[in-house]
Amino acid sequence: MAVVIQYLILEDMSRCTHPACDDGSVSPDRGQRARAARITAELSAVGLALPGTLIKRHVRCGKPRCACHADPPALHGPYWQWTRKVAGKTITRLVPDEQTGYWCTGGNDRRLRELVAELEALTLAIADASPRPRHRSSRQASS
C-alpha cells in the first residue's frame, strides 16, 4: 500500500498547483521518473514475499534407542520450519511438505524491502530538492 502511495506521489508531483511548486523544481526529472518506473516494475514482479526464514531441518527425537541417536545418526525429517519475528518475539511454525513450493520464494521478502527502501530514498531525494514554502509572518498576513 505504501509503495503504491509513494508512486502516486511521484506521478502527482508533475501536476502540483501549490504556489511553492511554481518554479518547477519539485517535479521529478526524466531520470528520476525512469528510475521510479523501473522500481515499480520490479515490485510488481516480486510476487509473494514470506517474511522470515524457511529452512529444511533434520532432528533427533527423545527416544534413546532410536536410530537418530546411533553413530552415524539417521535423523528424522526433513521438516520445513518457518521462523520470523512478531512484536519482538520469535515465532516458529512447521510448514507441510506440500506447501513448501508455494512458500519458497527465494528471498523475495529481502528484495521487496530493498525496492521499497530504494523508492523511499528516491522520493526523499525529490522532496529534499524541492523549495521550502515561505511562511508569511503575522504582520505580512494582516497588511
Protein backbone atom coordinates (compact mmCIF):
# COMPACT_ATOMS: atom_id res chain seq x y z
CA MET A 1 0.00 0.00 0.00
CA ALA A 2 2.77 2.45 0.97
CA VAL A 3 4.61 1.65 -2.27
CA VAL A 4 1.54 2.48 -4.35
CA ILE A 5 1.05 5.72 -2.45
CA GLN A 6 4.68 6.74 -2.96
CA TYR A 7 4.44 6.00 -6.67
CA LEU A 8 1.26 8.08 -6.91
CA ILE A 9 3.04 10.91 -5.12
CA LEU A 10 5.78 10.81 -7.76
CA GLU A 11 3.20 10.86 -10.54
CA ASP A 12 1.19 13.70 -8.99
CA MET A 13 4.23 15.92 -8.42
CA SER A 14 4.20 16.95 -12.05
CA ARG A 15 0.67 18.34 -11.63
CA CYS A 16 1.37 20.34 -8.46
CA THR A 17 -0.57 23.61 -8.32
CA HIS A 18 0.64 24.83 -4.93
CA PRO A 19 2.36 28.24 -5.11
CA ALA A 20 5.59 26.77 -3.70
CA CYS A 21 5.77 24.49 -6.75
CA ASP A 22 5.78 27.30 -9.31
CA ASP A 23 9.50 27.09 -10.06
CA GLY A 24 9.16 23.50 -11.33
CA SER A 25 11.97 22.11 -9.19
CA VAL A 26 9.58 19.83 -7.27
CA SER A 27 8.78 17.64 -10.23
CA PRO A 28 10.98 14.59 -10.71
CA ASP A 29 13.25 14.81 -13.71
CA ARG A 30 13.18 12.29 -16.54
CA GLY A 31 15.87 10.11 -14.94
CA GLN A 32 14.03 10.02 -11.63
CA ARG A 33 10.77 9.09 -13.37
CA ALA A 34 12.54 6.28 -15.25
CA ARG A 35 14.09 5.02 -12.02
CA ALA A 36 10.69 5.07 -10.27
CA ALA A 37 9.14 3.20 -13.21
CA ARG A 38 11.89 0.56 -13.04
CA ILE A 39 11.41 0.11 -9.29
CA THR A 40 7.63 -0.24 -9.59
CA ALA A 41 8.01 -2.73 -12.45
CA GLU A 42 10.34 -4.83 -10.29
CA LEU A 43 7.90 -4.54 -7.37
CA SER A 44 5.11 -5.95 -9.49
CA ALA A 45 7.33 -8.91 -10.44
CA VAL A 46 8.33 -9.79 -6.85
CA GLY A 47 5.29 -11.96 -6.13
CA LEU A 48 4.76 -13.49 -2.71
CA ALA A 49 7.15 -12.32 -0.02
CA LEU A 50 7.26 -14.53 3.06
CA PRO A 51 8.98 -12.64 5.88
CA GLY A 52 11.50 -14.51 7.98
CA THR A 53 13.38 -17.70 7.22
CA LEU A 54 12.20 -21.00 5.76
CA ILE A 55 14.66 -23.84 6.37
CA LYS A 56 14.75 -27.62 5.98
CA ARG A 57 15.65 -29.39 9.23
CA HIS A 58 16.55 -32.93 10.29
CA VAL A 59 16.06 -33.59 14.01
CA ARG A 60 16.69 -36.09 16.81
CA CYS A 61 13.79 -37.38 18.90
CA GLY A 62 13.75 -38.07 22.63
CA LYS A 63 13.85 -41.89 22.38
CA PRO A 64 17.34 -43.07 23.38
CA ARG A 65 17.18 -46.31 21.32
CA CYS A 66 16.03 -44.60 18.12
CA ALA A 67 18.25 -44.66 15.01
CA CYS A 68 18.60 -40.89 15.27
CA HIS A 69 20.91 -41.43 18.27
CA ALA A 70 23.09 -44.06 16.56
CA ASP A 71 26.56 -43.48 15.16
CA PRO A 72 26.18 -42.26 12.41
CA PRO A 73 22.73 -40.85 13.20
CA ALA A 74 19.73 -41.37 10.91
CA LEU A 75 17.92 -38.13 11.70
CA HIS A 76 14.16 -37.64 11.32
CA GLY A 77 12.91 -35.35 8.60
CA PRO A 78 13.20 -33.37 6.55
CA TYR A 79 10.85 -30.89 8.22
CA TRP A 80 10.31 -27.38 6.89
CA GLN A 81 10.44 -24.71 9.58
CA TRP A 82 9.40 -21.06 9.14
CA THR A 83 10.81 -18.61 11.68
CA ARG A 84 10.09 -14.89 11.93
CA LYS A 85 9.83 -12.05 14.46
CA VAL A 86 6.43 -10.75 15.56
CA ALA A 87 6.32 -7.88 18.06
CA GLY A 88 9.88 -8.70 19.17
CA LYS A 89 9.18 -12.40 19.73
CA THR A 90 10.44 -15.27 17.60
CA ILE A 91 7.60 -17.30 16.11
CA THR A 92 8.29 -20.74 14.63
CA ARG A 93 5.86 -22.78 12.57
CA LEU A 94 6.20 -26.09 10.74
CA VAL A 95 5.22 -25.97 7.07
CA PRO A 96 3.78 -29.11 5.42
CA ASP A 97 5.83 -30.54 2.54
CA GLU A 98 3.06 -29.90 0.02
CA GLN A 99 3.15 -26.16 0.81
CA THR A 100 6.90 -25.62 0.58
CA GLY A 101 6.82 -24.99 -3.17
CA TYR A 102 4.22 -22.31 -2.60
CA TRP A 103 6.22 -20.54 0.11
CA CYS A 104 9.79 -20.99 -1.16
CA THR A 105 10.06 -17.56 -2.73
CA GLY A 106 13.83 -17.33 -2.98
CA GLY A 107 14.39 -14.24 -0.82
CA ASN A 108 11.51 -12.21 -2.21
CA ASP A 109 10.97 -10.55 1.18
CA ARG A 110 14.52 -9.21 1.13
CA ARG A 111 14.16 -7.94 -2.45
CA LEU A 112 10.83 -6.32 -1.57
CA ARG A 113 12.42 -4.42 1.34
CA GLU A 114 15.33 -3.33 -0.90
CA LEU A 115 12.98 -1.99 -3.57
CA VAL A 116 10.79 -0.15 -1.06
CA ALA A 117 13.89 1.41 0.53
CA GLU A 118 15.12 2.47 -2.92
CA LEU A 119 11.76 4.05 -3.77
CA GLU A 120 11.67 5.83 -0.40
CA ALA A 121 15.19 7.18 -0.95
CA LEU A 122 14.23 8.43 -4.41
CA THR A 123 11.08 10.09 -3.04
CA LEU A 124 13.08 11.75 -0.24
CA ALA A 125 15.70 12.98 -2.70
CA ILE A 126 12.98 14.62 -4.79
CA ALA A 127 11.27 16.07 -1.74
CA ASP A 128 14.55 17.39 -0.27
CA ALA A 129 15.36 19.12 -3.56
CA SER A 130 12.03 20.96 -3.55
CA PRO A 131 11.92 24.57 -2.37
CA ARG A 132 10.62 25.23 1.11
CA PRO A 133 7.45 27.33 1.22
CA ARG A 134 7.98 30.66 2.86
CA HIS A 135 5.67 31.29 5.77
CA ARG A 136 4.31 34.76 5.97
CA SER A 137 4.69 36.46 9.32
CA SER A 138 1.59 37.68 11.10
CA ARG A 139 2.43 41.30 10.12
CA GLN A 140 2.55 40.44 6.41
CA ALA A 141 -0.69 38.48 6.63
CA SER A 142 -2.60 41.42 8.13
CA SER A 143 -1.40 44.01 5.57
